[in-house]
Amino acid sequence: QGAALQTGIAWACRAGFDHVVTFDADGQHRPEDAAEMLRRLHEQGA
């Protein structure tokens, strides 16, 4: 999984995205939480 994430993150950086969200494949995560995290990150300047 670590190597796979590194591949995906590197691709996203080369593609010019402003942010990268890491998300599990097994259905544990909610996109609503990811969107709220992105909003908080931007508001906090983190």
All heavy atoms as atom14 arrays in JSON, in Angstrom:
{
  "sequence": "QGAALQTGIAWACRAGFDHVVTFDADGQHRPEDAAEMLRRLHEQGA",
  "atom14_mask": [
    [1, 1, 1, 1, 1, 1, 1, 1, 1, 0, 0, 0, 0, 0],
    [1, 1, 1, 1, 0, 0, 0, 0, 0, 0, 0, 0, 0, 0],
    [1, 1, 1, 1, 1, 0, 0, 0, 0, 0, 0, 0, 0, 0],
    [1, 1, 1, 1, 1, 0, 0, 0, 0, 0, 0, 0, 0, 0],
    [1, 1, 1, 1, 1, 1, 1, 1, 0, 0, 0, 0, 0, 0],
    [1, 1, 1, 1, 1, 1, 1, 1, 1, 0, 0, 0, 0, 0],
    [1, 1, 1, 1, 1, 1, 1, 0, 0, 0, 0, 0, 0, 0],
    [1, 1, 1, 1, 0, 0, 0, 0, 0, 0, 0, 0, 0, 0],
    [1, 1, 1, 1, 1, 1, 1, 1, 0, 0, 0, 0, 0, 0],
    [1, 1, 1, 1, 1, 0, 0, 0, 0, 0, 0, 0, 0, 0],
    [1, 1, 1, 1, 1, 1, 1, 1, 1, 1, 1, 1, 1, 1],
    [1, 1, 1, 1, 1, 0, 0, 0, 0, 0, 0, 0, 0, 0],
    [1, 1, 1, 1, 1, 1, 0, 0, 0, 0, 0, 0, 0, 0],
    [1, 1, 1, 1, 1, 1, 1, 1, 1, 1, 1, 0, 0, 0],
    [1, 1, 1, 1, 1, 0, 0, 0, 0, 0, 0, 0, 0, 0],
    [1, 1, 1, 1, 0, 0, 0, 0, 0, 0, 0, 0, 0, 0],
    [1, 1, 1, 1, 1, 1, 1, 1, 1, 1, 1, 0, 0, 0],
    [1, 1, 1, 1, 1, 1, 1, 1, 0, 0, 0, 0, 0, 0],
    [1, 1, 1, 1, 1, 1, 1, 1, 1, 1, 0, 0, 0, 0],
    [1, 1, 1, 1, 1, 1, 1, 0, 0, 0, 0, 0, 0, 0],
    [1, 1, 1, 1, 1, 1, 1, 0, 0, 0, 0, 0, 0, 0],
    [1, 1, 1, 1, 1, 1, 1, 0, 0, 0, 0, 0, 0, 0],
    [1, 1, 1, 1, 1, 1, 1, 1, 1, 1, 1, 0, 0, 0],
    [1, 1, 1, 1, 1, 1, 1, 1, 0, 0, 0, 0, 0, 0],
    [1, 1, 1, 1, 1, 0, 0, 0, 0, 0, 0, 0, 0, 0],
    [1, 1, 1, 1, 1, 1, 1, 1, 0, 0, 0, 0, 0, 0],
    [1, 1, 1, 1, 0, 0, 0, 0, 0, 0, 0, 0, 0, 0],
    [1, 1, 1, 1, 1, 1, 1, 1, 1, 0, 0, 0, 0, 0],
    [1, 1, 1, 1, 1, 1, 1, 1, 1, 1, 0, 0, 0, 0],
    [1, 1, 1, 1, 1, 1, 1, 1, 1, 1, 1, 0, 0, 0],
    [1, 1, 1, 1, 1, 1, 1, 0, 0, 0, 0, 0, 0, 0],
    [1, 1, 1, 1, 1, 1, 1, 1, 1, 0, 0, 0, 0, 0],
    [1, 1, 1, 1, 1, 1, 1, 1, 0, 0, 0, 0, 0, 0],
    [1, 1, 1, 1, 1, 0, 0, 0, 0, 0, 0, 0, 0, 0],
    [1, 1, 1, 1, 1, 0, 0, 0, 0, 0, 0, 0, 0, 0],
    [1, 1, 1, 1, 1, 1, 1, 1, 1, 0, 0, 0, 0, 0],
    [1, 1, 1, 1, 1, 1, 1, 1, 0, 0, 0, 0, 0, 0],
    [1, 1, 1, 1, 1, 1, 1, 1, 0, 0, 0, 0, 0, 0],
    [1, 1, 1, 1, 1, 1, 1, 1, 1, 1, 1, 0, 0, 0],
    [1, 1, 1, 1, 1, 1, 1, 1, 1, 1, 1, 0, 0, 0],
    [1, 1, 1, 1, 1, 1, 1, 1, 0, 0, 0, 0, 0, 0],
    [1, 1, 1, 1, 1, 1, 1, 1, 1, 1, 0, 0, 0, 0],
    [1, 1, 1, 1, 1, 1, 1, 1, 1, 0, 0, 0, 0, 0],
    [1, 1, 1, 1, 1, 1, 1, 1, 1, 0, 0, 0, 0, 0],
    [1, 1, 1, 1, 0, 0, 0, 0, 0, 0, 0, 0, 0, 0],
    [1, 1, 1, 1, 1, 0, 0, 0, 0, 0, 0, 0, 0, 0]
  ],
  "atom14_positions": [
    [[0.81, -1.21, 0.0], [0.0, 0.0, 0.0], [0.85, 1.27, 0.0], [0.5, 2.25, -0.66], [-0.94, 0.01, 1.21], [-1.97, 1.13, 1.15], [-2.99, 1.05, 2.27], [-2.78, 0.38, 3.28], [-4.11, 1.72, 2.1], [0.0, 0.0, 0.0], [0.0, 0.0, 0.0], [0.0, 0.0, 0.0], [0.0, 0.0, 0.0], [0.0, 0.0, 0.0]],
    [[1.95, 1.26, 0.74], [2.81, 2.44, 0.76], [3.34, 2.78, -0.62], [3.31, 3.94, -1.06], [0.0, 0.0, 0.0], [0.0, 0.0, 0.0], [0.0, 0.0, 0.0], [0.0, 0.0, 0.0], [0.0, 0.0, 0.0], [0.0, 0.0, 0.0], [0.0, 0.0, 0.0], [0.0, 0.0, 0.0], [0.0, 0.0, 0.0], [0.0, 0.0, 0.0]],
    [[3.82, 1.78, -1.34], [4.34, 2.0, -2.68], [3.24, 2.47, -3.62], [3.47, 3.34, -4.48], [4.98, 0.72, -3.21], [0.0, 0.0, 0.0], [0.0, 0.0, 0.0], [0.0, 0.0, 0.0], [0.0, 0.0, 0.0], [0.0, 0.0, 0.0], [0.0, 0.0, 0.0], [0.0, 0.0, 0.0], [0.0, 0.0, 0.0], [0.0, 0.0, 0.0]],
    [[2.04, 1.91, -3.49], [0.94, 2.31, -4.35], [0.54, 3.76, -4.1], [0.28, 4.52, -5.05], [-0.26, 1.38, -4.14], [0.0, 0.0, 0.0], [0.0, 0.0, 0.0], [0.0, 0.0, 0.0], [0.0, 0.0, 0.0], [0.0, 0.0, 0.0], [0.0, 0.0, 0.0], [0.0, 0.0, 0.0], [0.0, 0.0, 0.0], [0.0, 0.0, 0.0]],
    [[0.51, 4.16, -2.84], [0.2, 5.56, -2.53], [1.27, 6.49, -3.1], [0.96, 7.56, -3.63], [0.06, 5.76, -1.03], [-1.22, 5.24, -0.38], [-1.19, 5.48, 1.12], [-2.47, 5.89, -1.0], [0.0, 0.0, 0.0], [0.0, 0.0, 0.0], [0.0, 0.0, 0.0], [0.0, 0.0, 0.0], [0.0, 0.0, 0.0], [0.0, 0.0, 0.0]],
    [[2.54, 6.09, -2.98], [3.61, 6.93, -3.51], [3.45, 7.1, -5.03], [3.64, 8.21, -5.56], [4.97, 6.32, -3.19], [6.17, 7.15, -3.67], [6.26, 8.49, -2.95], [6.4, 8.55, -1.74], [6.19, 9.57, -3.71], [0.0, 0.0, 0.0], [0.0, 0.0, 0.0], [0.0, 0.0, 0.0], [0.0, 0.0, 0.0], [0.0, 0.0, 0.0]],
    [[3.09, 6.04, -5.72], [2.86, 6.13, -7.16], [1.73, 7.11, -7.48], [1.85, 7.97, -8.36], [2.52, 4.74, -7.73], [3.67, 3.89, -7.62], [2.11, 4.82, -9.2], [0.0, 0.0, 0.0], [0.0, 0.0, 0.0], [0.0, 0.0, 0.0], [0.0, 0.0, 0.0], [0.0, 0.0, 0.0], [0.0, 0.0, 0.0], [0.0, 0.0, 0.0]],
    [[0.61, 6.98, -6.77], [-0.53, 7.85, -7.01], [-0.27, 9.3, -6.66], [-0.67, 10.22, -7.39], [0.0, 0.0, 0.0], [0.0, 0.0, 0.0], [0.0, 0.0, 0.0], [0.0, 0.0, 0.0], [0.0, 0.0, 0.0], [0.0, 0.0, 0.0], [0.0, 0.0, 0.0], [0.0, 0.0, 0.0], [0.0, 0.0, 0.0], [0.0, 0.0, 0.0]],
    [[0.41, 9.53, -5.53], [0.73, 10.89, -5.12], [1.67, 11.55, -6.12], [1.49, 12.71, -6.49], [1.34, 10.89, -3.7], [0.26, 10.5, -2.66], [1.94, 12.25, -3.35], [0.82, 10.22, -1.28], [0.0, 0.0, 0.0], [0.0, 0.0, 0.0], [0.0, 0.0, 0.0], [0.0, 0.0, 0.0], [0.0, 0.0, 0.0], [0.0, 0.0, 0.0]],
    [[2.69, 10.81, -6.56], [3.63, 11.36, -7.54], [2.91, 11.7, -8.84], [3.18, 12.75, -9.45], [4.75, 10.36, -7.79], [0.0, 0.0, 0.0], [0.0, 0.0, 0.0], [0.0, 0.0, 0.0], [0.0, 0.0, 0.0], [0.0, 0.0, 0.0], [0.0, 0.0, 0.0], [0.0, 0.0, 0.0], [0.0, 0.0, 0.0], [0.0, 0.0, 0.0]],
    [[1.99, 10.86, -9.27], [1.24, 11.14, -10.5], [0.41, 12.41, -10.34], [0.38, 13.26, -11.23], [0.33, 9.96, -10.82], [-0.46, 10.13, -12.09], [-0.12, 9.73, -13.35], [-1.73, 10.79, -12.22], [-1.08, 10.09, -14.25], [-2.09, 10.74, -13.59], [-2.6, 11.4, -11.31], [-3.28, 11.29, -14.06], [-3.78, 11.96, -11.8], [-4.11, 11.89, -13.15]],
    [[-0.26, 12.55, -9.19], [-1.11, 13.73, -8.96], [-0.28, 15.01, -8.92], [-0.71, 16.05, -9.43], [-1.88, 13.56, -7.65], [0.0, 0.0, 0.0], [0.0, 0.0, 0.0], [0.0, 0.0, 0.0], [0.0, 0.0, 0.0], [0.0, 0.0, 0.0], [0.0, 0.0, 0.0], [0.0, 0.0, 0.0], [0.0, 0.0, 0.0], [0.0, 0.0, 0.0]],
    [[0.92, 14.94, -8.35], [1.8, 16.11, -8.31], [2.24, 16.5, -9.72], [2.23, 17.68, -10.08], [3.0, 15.84, -7.42], [2.62, 15.77, -5.64], [0.0, 0.0, 0.0], [0.0, 0.0, 0.0], [0.0, 0.0, 0.0], [0.0, 0.0, 0.0], [0.0, 0.0, 0.0], [0.0, 0.0, 0.0], [0.0, 0.0, 0.0], [0.0, 0.0, 0.0]],
    [[2.6, 15.5, -10.52], [3.02, 15.79, -11.89], [1.86, 16.37, -12.72], [2.06, 17.18, -13.62], [3.55, 14.53, -12.57], [4.9, 14.07, -12.05], [5.52, 13.03, -12.97], [4.68, 11.87, -13.17], [4.72, 10.78, -12.4], [5.58, 10.72, -11.39], [3.93, 9.75, -12.65], [0.0, 0.0, 0.0], [0.0, 0.0, 0.0], [0.0, 0.0, 0.0]],
    [[0.64, 15.94, -12.39], [-0.54, 16.41, -13.12], [-0.95, 17.81, -12.7], [-1.84, 18.4, -13.34], [-1.69, 15.43, -12.92], [0.0, 0.0, 0.0], [0.0, 0.0, 0.0], [0.0, 0.0, 0.0], [0.0, 0.0, 0.0], [0.0, 0.0, 0.0], [0.0, 0.0, 0.0], [0.0, 0.0, 0.0], [0.0, 0.0, 0.0], [0.0, 0.0, 0.0]],
    [[-0.36, 18.35, -11.64], [-0.6, 19.73, -11.25], [-1.77, 19.96, -10.33], [-2.26, 21.1, -10.23], [0.0, 0.0, 0.0], [0.0, 0.0, 0.0], [0.0, 0.0, 0.0], [0.0, 0.0, 0.0], [0.0, 0.0, 0.0], [0.0, 0.0, 0.0], [0.0, 0.0, 0.0], [0.0, 0.0, 0.0], [0.0, 0.0, 0.0], [0.0, 0.0, 0.0]],
    [[-2.24, 18.94, -9.61], [-3.34, 19.14, -8.67], [-2.87, 19.95, -7.45], [-1.72, 19.84, -7.03], [-3.91, 17.8, -8.21], [-4.73, 17.11, -9.28], [-4.17, 16.13, -10.08], [-6.05, 17.48, -9.48], [-4.92, 15.51, -11.06], [-6.81, 16.87, -10.47], [-6.24, 15.88, -11.26], [0.0, 0.0, 0.0], [0.0, 0.0, 0.0], [0.0, 0.0, 0.0]],
    [[-3.77, 20.74, -6.88], [-3.45, 21.56, -5.71], [-3.37, 20.73, -4.43], [-2.62, 21.07, -3.51], [-4.49, 22.66, -5.52], [-4.45, 23.71, -6.61], [-3.43, 23.78, -7.34], [-5.44, 24.47, -6.74], [0.0, 0.0, 0.0], [0.0, 0.0, 0.0], [0.0, 0.0, 0.0], [0.0, 0.0, 0.0], [0.0, 0.0, 0.0], [0.0, 0.0, 0.0]],
    [[-4.17, 19.67, -4.36], [-4.24, 18.83, -3.17], [-4.36, 17.37, -3.56], [-4.89, 17.05, -4.63], [-5.43, 19.21, -2.28], [-5.39, 20.61, -1.75], [-5.96, 21.68, -2.42], [-4.81, 21.12, -0.63], [-5.75, 22.77, -1.72], [-5.07, 22.47, -0.64], [0.0, 0.0, 0.0], [0.0, 0.0, 0.0], [0.0, 0.0, 0.0], [0.0, 0.0, 0.0]],
    [[-3.88, 16.51, -2.68], [-4.01, 15.06, -2.85], [-4.74, 14.51, -1.63], [-4.36, 14.79, -0.49], [-2.64, 14.37, -3.0], [-2.83, 12.87, -3.16], [-1.87, 14.95, -4.18], [0.0, 0.0, 0.0], [0.0, 0.0, 0.0], [0.0, 0.0, 0.0], [0.0, 0.0, 0.0], [0.0, 0.0, 0.0], [0.0, 0.0, 0.0], [0.0, 0.0, 0.0]],
    [[-5.78, 13.74, -1.88], [-6.53, 13.07, -0.82], [-6.2, 11.58, -0.87], [-6.33, 10.96, -1.92], [-8.05, 13.26, -1.0], [-8.82, 12.53, 0.11], [-8.42, 14.73, -1.04], [0.0, 0.0, 0.0], [0.0, 0.0, 0.0], [0.0, 0.0, 0.0], [0.0, 0.0, 0.0], [0.0, 0.0, 0.0], [0.0, 0.0, 0.0], [0.0, 0.0, 0.0]],
    [[-5.73, 11.01, 0.24], [-5.53, 9.56, 0.28], [-6.78, 8.93, 0.9], [-7.29, 9.4, 1.91], [-4.27, 9.17, 1.07], [-4.42, 9.53, 2.45], [-3.04, 9.86, 0.5], [0.0, 0.0, 0.0], [0.0, 0.0, 0.0], [0.0, 0.0, 0.0], [0.0, 0.0, 0.0], [0.0, 0.0, 0.0], [0.0, 0.0, 0.0], [0.0, 0.0, 0.0]],
    [[-7.25, 7.85, 0.27], [-8.58, 7.31, 0.56], [-8.5, 5.8, 0.46], [-7.95, 5.27, -0.51], [-9.54, 7.88, -0.5], [-10.99, 7.87, -0.15], [-11.56, 8.95, 0.52], [-11.81, 6.82, -0.51], [-12.91, 8.98, 0.82], [-13.17, 6.83, -0.22], [-13.73, 7.91, 0.45], [0.0, 0.0, 0.0], [0.0, 0.0, 0.0], [0.0, 0.0, 0.0]],
    [[-9.04, 5.09, 1.44], [-8.95, 3.63, 1.43], [-9.93, 3.01, 0.44], [-10.98, 3.57, 0.12], [-9.22, 3.08, 2.83], [-8.04, 3.25, 3.76], [-6.99, 3.75, 3.31], [-8.16, 2.9, 4.96], [0.0, 0.0, 0.0], [0.0, 0.0, 0.0], [0.0, 0.0, 0.0], [0.0, 0.0, 0.0], [0.0, 0.0, 0.0], [0.0, 0.0, 0.0]],
    [[-9.57, 1.81, -0.02], [-10.35, 1.12, -1.05], [-11.43, 0.21, -0.5], [-12.21, -0.38, -1.27], [-9.4, 0.29, -1.93], [0.0, 0.0, 0.0], [0.0, 0.0, 0.0], [0.0, 0.0, 0.0], [0.0, 0.0, 0.0], [0.0, 0.0, 0.0], [0.0, 0.0, 0.0], [0.0, 0.0, 0.0], [0.0, 0.0, 0.0], [0.0, 0.0, 0.0]],
    [[-11.51, 0.06, 0.82], [-12.4, -0.95, 1.39], [-13.74, -0.42, 1.88], [-14.49, -1.14, 2.53], [-11.69, -1.68, 2.54], [-11.24, -0.73, 3.65], [-11.61, 0.46, 3.61], [-10.51, -1.18, 4.55], [0.0, 0.0, 0.0], [0.0, 0.0, 0.0], [0.0, 0.0, 0.0], [0.0, 0.0, 0.0], [0.0, 0.0, 0.0], [0.0, 0.0, 0.0]],
    [[-14.05, 0.85, 1.57], [-15.34, 1.39, 1.94], [-15.43, 1.99, 3.32], [-16.52, 2.38, 3.77], [0.0, 0.0, 0.0], [0.0, 0.0, 0.0], [0.0, 0.0, 0.0], [0.0, 0.0, 0.0], [0.0, 0.0, 0.0], [0.0, 0.0, 0.0], [0.0, 0.0, 0.0], [0.0, 0.0, 0.0], [0.0, 0.0, 0.0], [0.0, 0.0, 0.0]],
    [[-14.31, 2.1, 4.03], [-14.34, 2.64, 5.39], [-14.53, 4.16, 5.43], [-15.03, 4.7, 6.4], [-13.04, 2.3, 6.13], [-12.92, 0.87, 6.58], [-11.74, 0.68, 7.53], [-10.81, 1.46, 7.54], [-11.8, -0.36, 8.32], [0.0, 0.0, 0.0], [0.0, 0.0, 0.0], [0.0, 0.0, 0.0], [0.0, 0.0, 0.0], [0.0, 0.0, 0.0]],
    [[-14.1, 4.87, 4.38], [-14.07, 6.32, 4.41], [-15.27, 6.94, 3.71], [-15.87, 6.34, 2.82], [-12.78, 6.84, 3.74], [-11.55, 6.46, 4.47], [-10.31, 6.39, 3.87], [-11.34, 6.12, 5.77], [-9.4, 6.04, 4.76], [-10.01, 5.86, 5.91], [0.0, 0.0, 0.0], [0.0, 0.0, 0.0], [0.0, 0.0, 0.0], [0.0, 0.0, 0.0]],
    [[-15.57, 8.18, 4.11], [-16.67, 8.93, 3.52], [-16.12, 10.15, 2.77], [-15.33, 10.92, 3.33], [-17.65, 9.42, 4.59], [-18.19, 8.34, 5.51], [-19.34, 8.86, 6.36], [-19.02, 10.19, 6.91], [-19.94, 11.07, 7.31], [-21.22, 10.77, 7.21], [-19.58, 12.23, 7.82], [0.0, 0.0, 0.0], [0.0, 0.0, 0.0], [0.0, 0.0, 0.0]],
    [[-16.54, 10.36, 1.53], [-16.06, 11.54, 0.81], [-16.46, 12.84, 1.47], [-15.77, 13.86, 1.34], [-16.68, 11.38, -0.58], [-17.78, 10.39, -0.43], [-17.39, 9.49, 0.69], [0.0, 0.0, 0.0], [0.0, 0.0, 0.0], [0.0, 0.0, 0.0], [0.0, 0.0, 0.0], [0.0, 0.0, 0.0], [0.0, 0.0, 0.0], [0.0, 0.0, 0.0]],
    [[-17.59, 12.86, 2.2], [-17.99, 14.07, 2.92], [-16.93, 14.48, 3.93], [-16.66, 15.68, 4.12], [-19.33, 13.85, 3.62], [-20.52, 13.73, 2.71], [-20.71, 12.32, 2.14], [-19.92, 11.42, 2.49], [-21.65, 12.13, 1.35], [0.0, 0.0, 0.0], [0.0, 0.0, 0.0], [0.0, 0.0, 0.0], [0.0, 0.0, 0.0], [0.0, 0.0, 0.0]],
    [[-16.32, 13.5, 4.6], [-15.27, 13.81, 5.56], [-14.04, 14.37, 4.85], [-13.41, 15.31, 5.33], [-14.89, 12.55, 6.36], [-15.98, 12.11, 7.32], [-16.78, 12.97, 7.73], [-16.02, 10.92, 7.66], [0.0, 0.0, 0.0], [0.0, 0.0, 0.0], [0.0, 0.0, 0.0], [0.0, 0.0, 0.0], [0.0, 0.0, 0.0], [0.0, 0.0, 0.0]],
    [[-13.7, 13.79, 3.71], [-12.55, 14.28, 2.95], [-12.77, 15.72, 2.5], [-11.86, 16.55, 2.57], [-12.29, 13.38, 1.74], [0.0, 0.0, 0.0], [0.0, 0.0, 0.0], [0.0, 0.0, 0.0], [0.0, 0.0, 0.0], [0.0, 0.0, 0.0], [0.0, 0.0, 0.0], [0.0, 0.0, 0.0], [0.0, 0.0, 0.0], [0.0, 0.0, 0.0]],
    [[-13.98, 16.04, 2.05], [-14.29, 17.41, 1.62], [-14.2, 18.38, 2.78], [-13.69, 19.5, 2.64], [-15.68, 17.45, 0.98], [0.0, 0.0, 0.0], [0.0, 0.0, 0.0], [0.0, 0.0, 0.0], [0.0, 0.0, 0.0], [0.0, 0.0, 0.0], [0.0, 0.0, 0.0], [0.0, 0.0, 0.0], [0.0, 0.0, 0.0], [0.0, 0.0, 0.0]],
    [[-14.68, 17.97, 3.95], [-14.58, 18.84, 5.13], [-13.14, 19.03, 5.56], [-12.73, 20.13, 5.97], [-15.41, 18.24, 6.27], [-15.29, 18.97, 7.61], [-15.77, 20.42, 7.57], [-16.48, 20.81, 6.61], [-15.44, 21.17, 8.51], [0.0, 0.0, 0.0], [0.0, 0.0, 0.0], [0.0, 0.0, 0.0], [0.0, 0.0, 0.0], [0.0, 0.0, 0.0]],
    [[-12.33, 17.99, 5.46], [-10.91, 18.11, 5.79], [-10.22, 19.08, 4.84], [-9.38, 19.89, 5.26], [-10.24, 16.73, 5.72], [-10.65, 15.8, 6.85], [-10.13, 14.09, 6.54], [-8.35, 14.26, 6.5], [0.0, 0.0, 0.0], [0.0, 0.0, 0.0], [0.0, 0.0, 0.0], [0.0, 0.0, 0.0], [0.0, 0.0, 0.0], [0.0, 0.0, 0.0]],
    [[-10.55, 18.99, 3.56], [-9.97, 19.9, 2.58], [-10.36, 21.34, 2.89], [-9.52, 22.25, 2.81], [-10.45, 19.51, 1.18], [-10.0, 20.38, 0.0], [-8.47, 20.48, -0.05], [-10.54, 19.8, -1.3], [0.0, 0.0, 0.0], [0.0, 0.0, 0.0], [0.0, 0.0, 0.0], [0.0, 0.0, 0.0], [0.0, 0.0, 0.0], [0.0, 0.0, 0.0]],
    [[-11.61, 21.56, 3.26], [-12.05, 22.91, 3.62], [-11.3, 23.42, 4.84], [-10.83, 24.57, 4.86], [-13.56, 22.91, 3.9], [-14.14, 24.28, 4.19], [-15.56, 24.19, 4.72], [-15.6, 23.56, 6.05], [-15.31, 24.22, 7.18], [-14.94, 25.48, 7.15], [-15.38, 23.58, 8.34], [0.0, 0.0, 0.0], [0.0, 0.0, 0.0], [0.0, 0.0, 0.0]],
    [[-11.16, 22.59, 5.86], [-10.45, 23.0, 7.07], [-8.99, 23.31, 6.78], [-8.44, 24.29, 7.29], [-10.54, 21.9, 8.13], [-11.88, 21.77, 8.8], [-11.8, 20.79, 9.95], [-13.1, 20.63, 10.59], [-13.27, 20.51, 11.89], [-12.23, 20.54, 12.7], [-14.48, 20.35, 12.4], [0.0, 0.0, 0.0], [0.0, 0.0, 0.0], [0.0, 0.0, 0.0]],
    [[-8.37, 22.46, 5.99], [-6.97, 22.67, 5.64], [-6.8, 24.04, 4.98], [-5.9, 24.81, 5.32], [-6.49, 21.56, 4.71], [-5.05, 21.62, 4.2], [-4.48, 20.22, 4.04], [-4.98, 22.34, 2.85], [0.0, 0.0, 0.0], [0.0, 0.0, 0.0], [0.0, 0.0, 0.0], [0.0, 0.0, 0.0], [0.0, 0.0, 0.0], [0.0, 0.0, 0.0]],
    [[-7.68, 24.35, 4.05], [-7.55, 25.62, 3.33], [-7.82, 26.8, 4.26], [-7.09, 27.79, 4.25], [-8.52, 25.65, 2.16], [-8.34, 26.84, 1.27], [-7.3, 26.94, 0.37], [-9.04, 28.0, 1.18], [-7.38, 28.11, -0.26], [-8.42, 28.76, 0.22], [0.0, 0.0, 0.0], [0.0, 0.0, 0.0], [0.0, 0.0, 0.0], [0.0, 0.0, 0.0]],
    [[-8.84, 26.69, 5.1], [-9.15, 27.78, 6.01], [-8.04, 28.02, 7.02], [-7.74, 29.16, 7.38], [-10.46, 27.49, 6.75], [-11.71, 27.66, 5.89], [-12.97, 27.57, 6.7], [-12.91, 27.17, 7.89], [-14.05, 27.89, 6.15], [0.0, 0.0, 0.0], [0.0, 0.0, 0.0], [0.0, 0.0, 0.0], [0.0, 0.0, 0.0], [0.0, 0.0, 0.0]],
    [[-7.4, 26.93, 7.49], [-6.35, 27.05, 8.5], [-5.01, 27.4, 7.88], [-4.06, 27.73, 8.6], [-6.22, 25.74, 9.28], [-7.44, 25.39, 10.14], [-7.53, 26.25, 11.39], [-6.56, 26.86, 11.82], [-8.72, 26.32, 11.98], [0.0, 0.0, 0.0], [0.0, 0.0, 0.0], [0.0, 0.0, 0.0], [0.0, 0.0, 0.0], [0.0, 0.0, 0.0]],
    [[-4.89, 27.32, 6.56], [-3.61, 27.57, 5.92], [-2.59, 26.48, 6.21], [-1.38, 26.74, 6.21], [0.0, 0.0, 0.0], [0.0, 0.0, 0.0], [0.0, 0.0, 0.0], [0.0, 0.0, 0.0], [0.0, 0.0, 0.0], [0.0, 0.0, 0.0], [0.0, 0.0, 0.0], [0.0, 0.0, 0.0], [0.0, 0.0, 0.0], [0.0, 0.0, 0.0]],
    [[-3.08, 25.25, 6.48], [-2.19, 24.15, 6.8], [-1.76, 23.42, 5.53], [-2.35, 23.59, 4.46], [-2.87, 23.18, 7.77], [0.0, 0.0, 0.0], [0.0, 0.0, 0.0], [0.0, 0.0, 0.0], [0.0, 0.0, 0.0], [0.0, 0.0, 0.0], [0.0, 0.0, 0.0], [0.0, 0.0, 0.0], [0.0, 0.0, 0.0], [0.0, 0.0, 0.0]]
  ]
}
